Amino acid sequence: MHPVTTTLTAGRTPVDGLARLHALDLLRAFRLDRGGRLQPLLDALALWPSRRLARQILQFDALVGSAGLPGAGAWLTERFTRSLTISGQQHIPAGGPLLVVANHPGMVDAMALWVGVGRRDLRVLAARRELLNHLPHTSRHLIFIADGEAAWFGAARNATRHLRAGGALLTYPAGAIEPDPTVRPGARAALERWTPSTSRFARMAPETLVVPALVGGVISASAQRNPLTRWLPTQRERDWAAATLQVLLPRYRDTDTQVRFGPGIPAAQLNELSPAAAQAVIVAQMAALLAPTMHQ
């Protein structure tokens, strides 16, 4: 990545710190952080919507502290989507060890899943991001995954301990952003790239119930069509720019988000299979959730 040459400073308040991060994301997404005479003006323009977003995110984090992930997730999805539809909640047990394995189209997918799971004991396997340093209440519900095999096993031990204690855990086996099945094809193919982490957790916590979850409708098609994104050379950059617009500008929070939970699979049942066969069962369950109304 090229050096950042903006005039943005860290700031003195929590709002300032978060606003700076959001403004930098906006500038980087559109390649507007390269310096030059107009940089101070561009920085000031980027801070305007970023401050509003920062205040919302801090309010969200405070709600995590008082209402847990489900309550805060409901608050945020109400503000960042047009609608949220959840089906298959009968497959989510009210208590006991639960592993929710989900696709990862990004944006508000995590918050929508928090609402669907509805358990205050939910923890989430997540990569560490600078943003999370500003969200202490949210961070307490996360089990961070660092780079390197040793670090992954450390996170896996913490996650397994939580499952054995009867807790709920959300994980994204893809380990990366996947296509939103309501916007773009490729969601089915992405399932084939899932890591075998689910069968590992099943072996380490055999009393766990594994529930597949599909999320779609988190990416704004209208933001994807914005002319400002079209001049960027790669699809990845265009997606990043569109997502940035969607987060910062309320007009692009026009998504009809869906969460679908499938029937639970006892970990003991998966443990009777080879790792490859167990993985095939999970992928087949996810593929069934995709059909028939979403892109594959």
C-alpha atoms as a PDB file:
ATOM      1  CA  MET A   1       0.000   0.000   0.000  1.00  0.00           C
ATOM      2  CA  HIS A   2       1.276   3.445  -0.869  1.00  0.00           C
ATOM      3  CA  PRO A   3       2.148   5.889   1.960  1.00  0.00           C
ATOM      4  CA  VAL A   4      -0.768   7.838   3.427  1.00  0.00           C
ATOM      5  CA  THR A   5      -0.311  11.545   2.822  1.00  0.00           C
ATOM      6  CA  THR A   6      -3.515  12.991   4.264  1.00  0.00           C
ATOM      7  CA  THR A   7      -3.543  15.751   6.872  1.00  0.00           C
ATOM      8  CA  LEU A   8      -5.857  13.819   9.198  1.00  0.00           C
ATOM      9  CA  THR A   9      -4.653  13.564  12.800  1.00  0.00           C
ATOM     10  CA  ALA A  10      -5.568  11.070  15.497  1.00  0.00           C
ATOM     11  CA  GLY A  11      -7.790  13.501  17.417  1.00  0.00           C
ATOM     12  CA  ARG A  12      -8.434  13.865  21.125  1.00  0.00           C
ATOM     13  CA  THR A  13     -11.841  12.265  21.663  1.00  0.00           C
ATOM     14  CA  PRO A  14     -13.293   8.827  20.846  1.00  0.00           C
ATOM     15  CA  VAL A  15     -15.411  10.431  18.126  1.00  0.00           C
ATOM     16  CA  ASP A  16     -12.310  12.080  16.645  1.00  0.00           C
ATOM     17  CA  GLY A  17     -10.400   8.798  16.590  1.00  0.00           C
ATOM     18  CA  LEU A  18     -13.160   6.839  14.918  1.00  0.00           C
ATOM     19  CA  ALA A  19     -13.969   9.645  12.488  1.00  0.00           C
ATOM     20  CA  ARG A  20     -10.337   9.677  11.376  1.00  0.00           C
ATOM     21  CA  LEU A  21     -10.453   5.925  10.633  1.00  0.00           C
ATOM     22  CA  HIS A  22     -13.675   6.237   8.649  1.00  0.00           C
ATOM     23  CA  ALA A  23     -12.381   9.265   6.743  1.00  0.00           C
ATOM     24  CA  LEU A  24      -9.173   7.425   5.844  1.00  0.00           C
ATOM     25  CA  ASP A  25     -11.229   4.485   4.568  1.00  0.00           C
ATOM     26  CA  LEU A  26     -13.263   6.834   2.405  1.00  0.00           C
ATOM     27  CA  LEU A  27     -10.188   8.549   0.982  1.00  0.00           C
ATOM     28  CA  ARG A  28      -8.348   5.285   0.344  1.00  0.00           C
ATOM     29  CA  ALA A  29     -11.374   3.662  -1.267  1.00  0.00           C
ATOM     30  CA  PHE A  30     -11.456   6.366  -3.932  1.00  0.00           C
ATOM     31  CA  ARG A  31      -7.672   6.860  -4.128  1.00  0.00           C
ATOM     32  CA  LEU A  32      -7.947  10.355  -2.702  1.00  0.00           C
ATOM     33  CA  ASP A  33      -5.228  10.037  -0.062  1.00  0.00           C
ATOM     34  CA  ARG A  34      -2.279  10.653  -2.391  1.00  0.00           C
ATOM     35  CA  GLY A  35      -1.472  14.211  -1.279  1.00  0.00           C
ATOM     36  CA  GLY A  36      -1.448  17.403  -3.278  1.00  0.00           C
ATOM     37  CA  ARG A  37      -2.819  20.887  -2.918  1.00  0.00           C
ATOM     38  CA  LEU A  38      -6.400  19.727  -2.523  1.00  0.00           C
ATOM     39  CA  GLN A  39      -5.631  17.196   0.217  1.00  0.00           C
ATOM     40  CA  PRO A  40      -6.665  19.427   3.170  1.00  0.00           C
ATOM     41  CA  LEU A  41      -9.993  20.111   1.454  1.00  0.00           C
ATOM     42  CA  LEU A  42     -10.537  16.432   0.663  1.00  0.00           C
ATOM     43  CA  ASP A  43      -9.722  15.494   4.250  1.00  0.00           C
ATOM     44  CA  ALA A  44     -12.223  18.012   5.595  1.00  0.00           C
ATOM     45  CA  LEU A  45     -14.927  16.774   3.218  1.00  0.00           C
ATOM     46  CA  ALA A  46     -14.275  13.155   4.236  1.00  0.00           C
ATOM     47  CA  LEU A  47     -14.560  14.008   7.925  1.00  0.00           C
ATOM     48  CA  TRP A  48     -18.057  15.457   7.541  1.00  0.00           C
ATOM     49  CA  PRO A  49     -19.956  12.141   7.065  1.00  0.00           C
ATOM     50  CA  SER A  50     -17.332  10.247   9.070  1.00  0.00           C
ATOM     51  CA  ARG A  51     -18.093  12.103  12.301  1.00  0.00           C
ATOM     52  CA  ARG A  52     -21.777  11.248  12.052  1.00  0.00           C
ATOM     53  CA  LEU A  53     -20.916   7.584  11.493  1.00  0.00           C
ATOM     54  CA  ALA A  54     -18.424   7.605  14.384  1.00  0.00           C
ATOM     55  CA  ARG A  55     -21.092   8.825  16.794  1.00  0.00           C
ATOM     56  CA  GLN A  56     -23.432   6.057  15.651  1.00  0.00           C
ATOM     57  CA  ILE A  57     -20.773   3.373  16.042  1.00  0.00           C
ATOM     58  CA  LEU A  58     -19.905   4.529  19.561  1.00  0.00           C
ATOM     59  CA  GLN A  59     -23.584   4.494  20.468  1.00  0.00           C
ATOM     60  CA  PHE A  60     -23.773   0.967  19.077  1.00  0.00           C
ATOM     61  CA  ASP A  61     -20.818  -0.126  21.213  1.00  0.00           C
ATOM     62  CA  ALA A  62     -22.419   1.321  24.334  1.00  0.00           C
ATOM     63  CA  LEU A  63     -25.552  -0.691  23.523  1.00  0.00           C
ATOM     64  CA  VAL A  64     -23.461  -3.866  23.287  1.00  0.00           C
ATOM     65  CA  GLY A  65     -22.465  -3.197  26.884  1.00  0.00           C
ATOM     66  CA  SER A  66     -26.052  -2.765  28.075  1.00  0.00           C
ATOM     67  CA  ALA A  67     -28.124  -4.949  25.719  1.00  0.00           C
ATOM     68  CA  GLY A  68     -25.604  -7.520  24.492  1.00  0.00           C
ATOM     69  CA  LEU A  69     -24.877  -8.417  20.895  1.00  0.00           C
ATOM     70  CA  PRO A  70     -28.516  -9.230  19.970  1.00  0.00           C
ATOM     71  CA  GLY A  71     -29.902  -5.924  21.243  1.00  0.00           C
ATOM     72  CA  ALA A  72     -27.148  -3.807  19.736  1.00  0.00           C
ATOM     73  CA  GLY A  73     -27.345  -5.769  16.488  1.00  0.00           C
ATOM     74  CA  ALA A  74     -31.061  -5.036  16.215  1.00  0.00           C
ATOM     75  CA  TRP A  75     -30.435  -1.325  16.782  1.00  0.00           C
ATOM     76  CA  LEU A  76     -27.759  -1.184  14.095  1.00  0.00           C
ATOM     77  CA  THR A  77     -29.571  -3.238  11.458  1.00  0.00           C
ATOM     78  CA  GLU A  78     -32.632  -1.012  11.863  1.00  0.00           C
ATOM     79  CA  ARG A  79     -30.465   1.954  10.890  1.00  0.00           C
ATOM     80  CA  PHE A  80     -28.253   0.396   8.220  1.00  0.00           C
ATOM     81  CA  THR A  81     -30.766  -1.755   6.312  1.00  0.00           C
ATOM     82  CA  ARG A  82     -34.253  -1.266   4.918  1.00  0.00           C
ATOM     83  CA  SER A  83     -35.516  -4.553   6.345  1.00  0.00           C
ATOM     84  CA  LEU A  84     -34.325  -7.703   8.094  1.00  0.00           C
ATOM     85  CA  THR A  85     -36.019 -11.080   7.586  1.00  0.00           C
ATOM     86  CA  ILE A  86     -34.967 -14.088   9.658  1.00  0.00           C
ATOM     87  CA  SER A  87     -36.106 -17.653   9.024  1.00  0.00           C
ATOM     88  CA  GLY A  88     -35.265 -20.942  10.687  1.00  0.00           C
ATOM     89  CA  GLN A  89     -34.839 -19.537  14.198  1.00  0.00           C
ATOM     90  CA  GLN A  90     -36.470 -22.687  15.545  1.00  0.00           C
ATOM     91  CA  HIS A  91     -33.144 -24.402  14.839  1.00  0.00           C
ATOM     92  CA  ILE A  92     -31.356 -22.177  17.386  1.00  0.00           C
ATOM     93  CA  PRO A  93     -31.425 -23.670  20.905  1.00  0.00           C
ATOM     94  CA  ALA A  94     -31.958 -21.262  23.795  1.00  0.00           C
ATOM     95  CA  GLY A  95     -29.001 -22.750  25.643  1.00  0.00           C
ATOM     96  CA  GLY A  96     -26.204 -25.268  25.371  1.00  0.00           C
ATOM     97  CA  PRO A  97     -23.114 -25.408  23.161  1.00  0.00           C
ATOM     98  CA  LEU A  98     -23.889 -23.956  19.730  1.00  0.00           C
ATOM     99  CA  LEU A  99     -21.621 -23.385  16.733  1.00  0.00           C
ATOM    100  CA  VAL A 100     -23.113 -21.190  13.999  1.00  0.00           C
ATOM    101  CA  VAL A 101     -21.198 -21.443  10.710  1.00  0.00           C
ATOM    102  CA  ALA A 102     -22.047 -18.692   8.240  1.00  0.00           C
ATOM    103  CA  ASN A 103     -21.104 -17.189   4.920  1.00  0.00           C
ATOM    104  CA  HIS A 104     -19.496 -13.754   5.073  1.00  0.00           C
ATOM    105  CA  PRO A 105     -20.753 -11.195   2.519  1.00  0.00           C
ATOM    106  CA  GLY A 106     -19.683  -8.377   4.846  1.00  0.00           C
ATOM    107  CA  MET A 107     -21.360  -5.136   5.921  1.00  0.00           C
ATOM    108  CA  VAL A 108     -24.015  -5.916   8.571  1.00  0.00           C
ATOM    109  CA  ASP A 109     -23.937  -9.704   8.181  1.00  0.00           C
ATOM    110  CA  ALA A 110     -22.557 -10.200  11.707  1.00  0.00           C
ATOM    111  CA  MET A 111     -25.143  -7.951  13.341  1.00  0.00           C
ATOM    112  CA  ALA A 112     -27.991  -9.648  11.463  1.00  0.00           C
ATOM    113  CA  LEU A 113     -26.713 -13.009  12.700  1.00  0.00           C
ATOM    114  CA  TRP A 114     -26.487 -11.713  16.269  1.00  0.00           C
ATOM    115  CA  VAL A 115     -30.162 -10.795  16.072  1.00  0.00           C
ATOM    116  CA  GLY A 116     -31.069 -14.183  14.628  1.00  0.00           C
ATOM    117  CA  VAL A 117     -29.119 -16.193  17.200  1.00  0.00           C
ATOM    118  CA  GLY A 118     -30.527 -14.034  19.977  1.00  0.00           C
ATOM    119  CA  ARG A 119     -28.214 -15.309  22.728  1.00  0.00           C
ATOM    120  CA  ARG A 120     -26.390 -13.053  25.161  1.00  0.00           C
ATOM    121  CA  ASP A 121     -23.607 -15.655  25.525  1.00  0.00           C
ATOM    122  CA  LEU A 122     -22.668 -15.418  21.832  1.00  0.00           C
ATOM    123  CA  ARG A 123     -18.989 -15.000  21.006  1.00  0.00           C
ATOM    124  CA  VAL A 124     -17.544 -14.372  17.549  1.00  0.00           C
ATOM    125  CA  LEU A 125     -14.272 -15.537  16.033  1.00  0.00           C
ATOM    126  CA  ALA A 126     -12.869 -12.416  14.371  1.00  0.00           C
ATOM    127  CA  ALA A 127      -9.711 -10.934  12.907  1.00  0.00           C
ATOM    128  CA  ARG A 128      -8.275  -8.016  14.837  1.00  0.00           C
ATOM    129  CA  ARG A 129      -8.947  -4.624  13.237  1.00  0.00           C
ATOM    130  CA  GLU A 130      -7.894  -1.144  14.281  1.00  0.00           C
ATOM    131  CA  LEU A 131     -11.547  -0.136  14.474  1.00  0.00           C
ATOM    132  CA  LEU A 132     -12.125  -2.623  17.286  1.00  0.00           C
ATOM    133  CA  ASN A 133      -9.586  -0.828  19.481  1.00  0.00           C
ATOM    134  CA  HIS A 134     -12.235   1.901  19.767  1.00  0.00           C
ATOM    135  CA  LEU A 135     -15.055  -0.520  20.671  1.00  0.00           C
ATOM    136  CA  PRO A 136     -14.300  -2.002  24.104  1.00  0.00           C
ATOM    137  CA  HIS A 137     -17.739  -3.500  24.762  1.00  0.00           C
ATOM    138  CA  THR A 138     -17.881  -5.225  21.384  1.00  0.00           C
ATOM    139  CA  SER A 139     -14.320  -6.510  21.710  1.00  0.00           C
ATOM    140  CA  ARG A 140     -15.216  -8.373  24.905  1.00  0.00           C
ATOM    141  CA  HIS A 141     -17.520 -10.595  22.860  1.00  0.00           C
ATOM    142  CA  LEU A 142     -14.876 -11.423  20.252  1.00  0.00           C
ATOM    143  CA  ILE A 143     -12.245 -14.138  20.168  1.00  0.00           C
ATOM    144  CA  PHE A 144      -9.483 -12.686  18.057  1.00  0.00           C
ATOM    145  CA  ILE A 145      -7.662 -14.708  15.426  1.00  0.00           C
ATOM    146  CA  ALA A 146      -4.121 -13.585  14.698  1.00  0.00           C
ATOM    147  CA  ASP A 147      -1.886 -14.605  11.816  1.00  0.00           C
ATOM    148  CA  GLY A 148       0.108 -17.793  12.192  1.00  0.00           C
ATOM    149  CA  GLU A 149      -0.761 -21.375  13.073  1.00  0.00           C
ATOM    150  CA  ALA A 150       0.162 -21.035  16.754  1.00  0.00           C
ATOM    151  CA  ALA A 151      -2.052 -17.977  17.126  1.00  0.00           C
ATOM    152  CA  TRP A 152      -4.946 -19.778  15.429  1.00  0.00           C
ATOM    153  CA  PHE A 153      -4.690 -22.685  17.838  1.00  0.00           C
ATOM    154  CA  GLY A 154      -4.719 -20.233  20.736  1.00  0.00           C
ATOM    155  CA  ALA A 155      -7.974 -18.753  19.466  1.00  0.00           C
ATOM    156  CA  ALA A 156      -9.352 -22.243  18.846  1.00  0.00           C
ATOM    157  CA  ARG A 157      -8.606 -23.219  22.452  1.00  0.00           C
ATOM    158  CA  ASN A 158     -10.479 -20.178  23.738  1.00  0.00           C
ATOM    159  CA  ALA A 159     -13.398 -20.895  21.419  1.00  0.00           C
ATOM    160  CA  THR A 160     -13.496 -24.558  22.439  1.00  0.00           C
ATOM    161  CA  ARG A 161     -13.467 -23.597  26.109  1.00  0.00           C
ATOM    162  CA  HIS A 162     -16.472 -21.371  25.476  1.00  0.00           C
ATOM    163  CA  LEU A 163     -18.349 -24.168  23.693  1.00  0.00           C
ATOM    164  CA  ARG A 164     -17.580 -26.702  26.414  1.00  0.00           C
ATOM    165  CA  ALA A 165     -18.978 -24.253  28.960  1.00  0.00           C
ATOM    166  CA  GLY A 166     -22.274 -24.281  27.039  1.00  0.00           C
ATOM    167  CA  GLY A 167     -21.797 -21.055  25.089  1.00  0.00           C
ATOM    168  CA  ALA A 168     -22.677 -20.024  21.549  1.00  0.00           C
ATOM    169  CA  LEU A 169     -20.019 -19.279  18.928  1.00  0.00           C
ATOM    170  CA  LEU A 170     -20.231 -17.682  15.474  1.00  0.00           C
ATOM    171  CA  THR A 171     -17.538 -18.419  12.933  1.00  0.00           C
ATOM    172  CA  TYR A 172     -16.926 -17.681   9.254  1.00  0.00           C
ATOM    173  CA  PRO A 173     -15.146 -20.707   7.740  1.00  0.00           C
ATOM    174  CA  ALA A 174     -14.295 -18.779   4.556  1.00  0.00           C
ATOM    175  CA  GLY A 175     -11.980 -16.473   6.477  1.00  0.00           C
ATOM    176  CA  ALA A 176     -12.615 -13.793   3.845  1.00  0.00           C
ATOM    177  CA  ILE A 177     -15.412 -11.782   2.258  1.00  0.00           C
ATOM    178  CA  GLU A 178     -17.697 -13.856   0.016  1.00  0.00           C
ATOM    179  CA  PRO A 179     -20.192 -12.825  -2.700  1.00  0.00           C
ATOM    180  CA  ASP A 180     -23.551 -11.561  -1.481  1.00  0.00           C
ATOM    181  CA  PRO A 181     -25.913 -14.171  -2.963  1.00  0.00           C
ATOM    182  CA  THR A 182     -28.620 -11.570  -3.621  1.00  0.00           C
ATOM    183  CA  VAL A 183     -26.314  -9.387  -5.720  1.00  0.00           C
ATOM    184  CA  ARG A 184     -23.741 -11.535  -7.477  1.00  0.00           C
ATOM    185  CA  PRO A 185     -23.187 -15.186  -8.441  1.00  0.00           C
ATOM    186  CA  GLY A 186     -20.367 -17.170  -6.900  1.00  0.00           C
ATOM    187  CA  ALA A 187     -21.743 -17.850  -3.421  1.00  0.00           C
ATOM    188  CA  ARG A 188     -21.991 -21.600  -4.053  1.00  0.00           C
ATOM    189  CA  ALA A 189     -18.439 -21.836  -5.379  1.00  0.00           C
ATOM    190  CA  ALA A 190     -17.172 -19.878  -2.369  1.00  0.00           C
ATOM    191  CA  LEU A 191     -18.441 -22.628  -0.059  1.00  0.00           C
ATOM    192  CA  GLU A 192     -15.912 -25.024  -1.570  1.00  0.00           C
ATOM    193  CA  ARG A 193     -13.139 -22.804  -0.212  1.00  0.00           C
ATOM    194  CA  TRP A 194     -14.296 -23.031   3.391  1.00  0.00           C
ATOM    195  CA  THR A 195     -11.677 -24.220   5.839  1.00  0.00           C
ATOM    196  CA  PRO A 196     -12.267 -27.461   7.803  1.00  0.00           C
ATOM    197  CA  SER A 197     -12.487 -25.535  11.082  1.00  0.00           C
ATOM    198  CA  THR A 198     -16.052 -26.724  11.737  1.00  0.00           C
ATOM    199  CA  SER A 199     -15.074 -30.383  11.966  1.00  0.00           C
ATOM    200  CA  ARG A 200     -12.150 -29.412  14.216  1.00  0.00           C
ATOM    201  CA  PHE A 201     -14.477 -27.690  16.658  1.00  0.00           C
ATOM    202  CA  ALA A 202     -16.830 -30.675  16.457  1.00  0.00           C
ATOM    203  CA  ARG A 203     -14.031 -32.980  17.564  1.00  0.00           C
ATOM    204  CA  MET A 204     -12.879 -30.678  20.368  1.00  0.00           C
ATOM    205  CA  ALA A 205     -16.404 -29.990  21.681  1.00  0.00           C
ATOM    206  CA  PRO A 206     -18.463 -33.082  20.772  1.00  0.00           C
ATOM    207  CA  GLU A 207     -21.595 -31.946  22.664  1.00  0.00           C
ATOM    208  CA  THR A 208     -21.965 -28.967  20.313  1.00  0.00           C
ATOM    209  CA  LEU A 209     -24.848 -28.440  17.907  1.00  0.00           C
ATOM    210  CA  VAL A 210     -23.635 -27.100  14.539  1.00  0.00           C
ATOM    211  CA  VAL A 211     -26.126 -24.810  12.771  1.00  0.00           C
ATOM    212  CA  PRO A 212     -25.489 -23.497   9.226  1.00  0.00           C
ATOM    213  CA  ALA A 213     -26.527 -19.908   8.531  1.00  0.00           C
ATOM    214  CA  LEU A 214     -26.848 -18.035   5.256  1.00  0.00           C
ATOM    215  CA  VAL A 215     -26.848 -14.241   5.024  1.00  0.00           C
ATOM    216  CA  GLY A 216     -27.767 -12.245   1.932  1.00  0.00           C
ATOM    217  CA  GLY A 217     -28.991  -8.801   1.039  1.00  0.00           C
ATOM    218  CA  VAL A 218     -26.278  -6.846   2.823  1.00  0.00           C
ATOM    219  CA  ILE A 219     -24.684  -5.203  -0.217  1.00  0.00           C
ATOM    220  CA  SER A 220     -26.465  -2.251  -1.822  1.00  0.00           C
ATOM    221  CA  ALA A 221     -26.953  -2.775  -5.555  1.00  0.00           C
ATOM    222  CA  SER A 222     -27.518   0.959  -5.998  1.00  0.00           C
ATOM    223  CA  ALA A 223     -24.178   1.758  -4.340  1.00  0.00           C
ATOM    224  CA  GLN A 224     -22.533  -0.741  -6.687  1.00  0.00           C
ATOM    225  CA  ARG A 225     -23.988   1.183  -9.633  1.00  0.00           C
ATOM    226  CA  ASN A 226     -22.777   4.583  -8.436  1.00  0.00           C
ATOM    227  CA  PRO A 227     -20.717   6.228 -11.222  1.00  0.00           C
ATOM    228  CA  LEU A 228     -18.033   7.200  -8.703  1.00  0.00           C
ATOM    229  CA  THR A 229     -17.067   3.544  -8.343  1.00  0.00           C
ATOM    230  CA  ARG A 230     -16.835   2.702 -12.043  1.00  0.00           C
ATOM    231  CA  TRP A 231     -13.521   4.366 -12.792  1.00  0.00           C
ATOM    232  CA  LEU A 232     -11.658   2.148 -10.331  1.00  0.00           C
ATOM    233  CA  PRO A 233      -9.667  -0.508 -12.202  1.00  0.00           C
ATOM    234  CA  THR A 234     -10.466  -3.712 -10.271  1.00  0.00           C
ATOM    235  CA  GLN A 235     -13.689  -5.295  -9.047  1.00  0.00           C
ATOM    236  CA  ARG A 236     -12.252  -5.491  -5.555  1.00  0.00           C
ATOM    237  CA  GLU A 237     -11.640  -1.734  -5.507  1.00  0.00           C
ATOM    238  CA  ARG A 238     -15.100  -1.043  -6.919  1.00  0.00           C
ATOM    239  CA  ASP A 239     -16.666  -3.223  -4.232  1.00  0.00           C
ATOM    240  CA  TRP A 240     -14.675  -1.471  -1.510  1.00  0.00           C
ATOM    241  CA  ALA A 241     -15.716   1.951  -2.777  1.00  0.00           C
ATOM    242  CA  ALA A 242     -19.374   0.923  -2.993  1.00  0.00           C
ATOM    243  CA  ALA A 243     -19.291  -0.516   0.523  1.00  0.00           C
ATOM    244  CA  THR A 244     -17.733   2.696   1.804  1.00  0.00           C
ATOM    245  CA  LEU A 245     -20.526   4.746   0.245  1.00  0.00           C
ATOM    246  CA  GLN A 246     -23.097   2.414   1.748  1.00  0.00           C
ATOM    247  CA  VAL A 247     -21.684   2.808   5.254  1.00  0.00           C
ATOM    248  CA  LEU A 248     -21.281   6.569   5.123  1.00  0.00           C
ATOM    249  CA  LEU A 249     -24.355   7.677   3.158  1.00  0.00           C
ATOM    250  CA  PRO A 250     -27.866   6.802   4.428  1.00  0.00           C
ATOM    251  CA  ARG A 251     -29.319   6.824   0.886  1.00  0.00           C
ATOM    252  CA  TYR A 252     -27.450   3.583   0.182  1.00  0.00           C
ATOM    253  CA  ARG A 253     -28.738   1.738   3.246  1.00  0.00           C
ATOM    254  CA  ASP A 254     -31.472   0.310   1.054  1.00  0.00           C
ATOM    255  CA  THR A 255     -30.865  -3.401   1.525  1.00  0.00           C
ATOM    256  CA  ASP A 256     -33.403  -6.099   2.382  1.00  0.00           C
ATOM    257  CA  THR A 257     -31.246  -8.367   4.496  1.00  0.00           C
ATOM    258  CA  GLN A 258     -32.068 -12.052   4.941  1.00  0.00           C
ATOM    259  CA  VAL A 259     -30.788 -14.578   7.470  1.00  0.00           C
ATOM    260  CA  ARG A 260     -31.607 -18.260   7.023  1.00  0.00           C
ATOM    261  CA  PHE A 261     -30.759 -20.916   9.607  1.00  0.00           C
ATOM    262  CA  GLY A 262     -30.696 -24.572   8.619  1.00  0.00           C
ATOM    263  CA  PRO A 263     -31.326 -27.668  10.741  1.00  0.00           C
ATOM    264  CA  GLY A 264     -28.704 -28.328  13.382  1.00  0.00           C
ATOM    265  CA  ILE A 265     -26.159 -31.108  12.996  1.00  0.00           C
ATOM    266  CA  PRO A 266     -24.906 -32.737  16.222  1.00  0.00           C
ATOM    267  CA  ALA A 267     -21.131 -32.599  16.404  1.00  0.00           C
ATOM    268  CA  ALA A 268     -21.106 -36.263  17.403  1.00  0.00           C
ATOM    269  CA  GLN A 269     -22.731 -37.086  14.057  1.00  0.00           C
ATOM    270  CA  LEU A 270     -20.033 -35.180  12.161  1.00  0.00           C
ATOM    271  CA  ASN A 271     -17.359 -36.933  14.199  1.00  0.00           C
ATOM    272  CA  GLU A 272     -18.469 -40.280  12.785  1.00  0.00           C
ATOM    273  CA  LEU A 273     -17.399 -39.064   9.326  1.00  0.00           C
ATOM    274  CA  SER A 274     -14.033 -38.315   7.795  1.00  0.00           C
ATOM    275  CA  PRO A 275     -13.079 -34.605   7.816  1.00  0.00           C
ATOM    276  CA  ALA A 276     -13.771 -34.411   4.070  1.00  0.00           C
ATOM    277  CA  ALA A 277     -17.177 -36.068   4.426  1.00  0.00           C
ATOM    278  CA  ALA A 278     -18.095 -33.824   7.369  1.00  0.00           C
ATOM    279  CA  GLN A 279     -17.146 -30.799   5.305  1.00  0.00           C
ATOM    280  CA  ALA A 280     -19.307 -32.051   2.440  1.00  0.00           C
ATOM    281  CA  VAL A 281     -22.317 -32.332   4.772  1.00  0.00           C
ATOM    282  CA  ILE A 282     -21.907 -28.732   5.923  1.00  0.00           C
ATOM    283  CA  VAL A 283     -21.452 -27.416   2.376  1.00  0.00           C
ATOM    284  CA  ALA A 284     -24.552 -29.327   1.237  1.00  0.00           C
ATOM    285  CA  GLN A 285     -26.598 -27.773   4.051  1.00  0.00           C
ATOM    286  CA  MET A 286     -25.420 -24.308   3.066  1.00  0.00           C
ATOM    287  CA  ALA A 287     -26.163 -24.961  -0.612  1.00  0.00           C
ATOM    288  CA  ALA A 288     -29.710 -25.985   0.328  1.00  0.00           C
ATOM    289  CA  LEU A 289     -30.163 -22.636   2.079  1.00  0.00           C
ATOM    290  CA  LEU A 290     -29.065 -20.841  -1.102  1.00  0.00           C
ATOM    291  CA  ALA A 291     -31.760 -22.403  -3.269  1.00  0.00           C
ATOM    292  CA  PRO A 292     -34.051 -21.387  -4.807  1.00  0.00           C
ATOM    293  CA  THR A 293     -34.258 -17.608  -4.408  1.00  0.00           C
ATOM    294  CA  MET A 294     -30.630 -16.515  -4.307  1.00  0.00           C
ATOM    295  CA  HIS A 295     -27.800 -16.448  -6.827  1.00  0.00           C
ATOM    296  CA  GLN A 296     -25.488 -19.452  -6.738  1.00  0.00           C
END
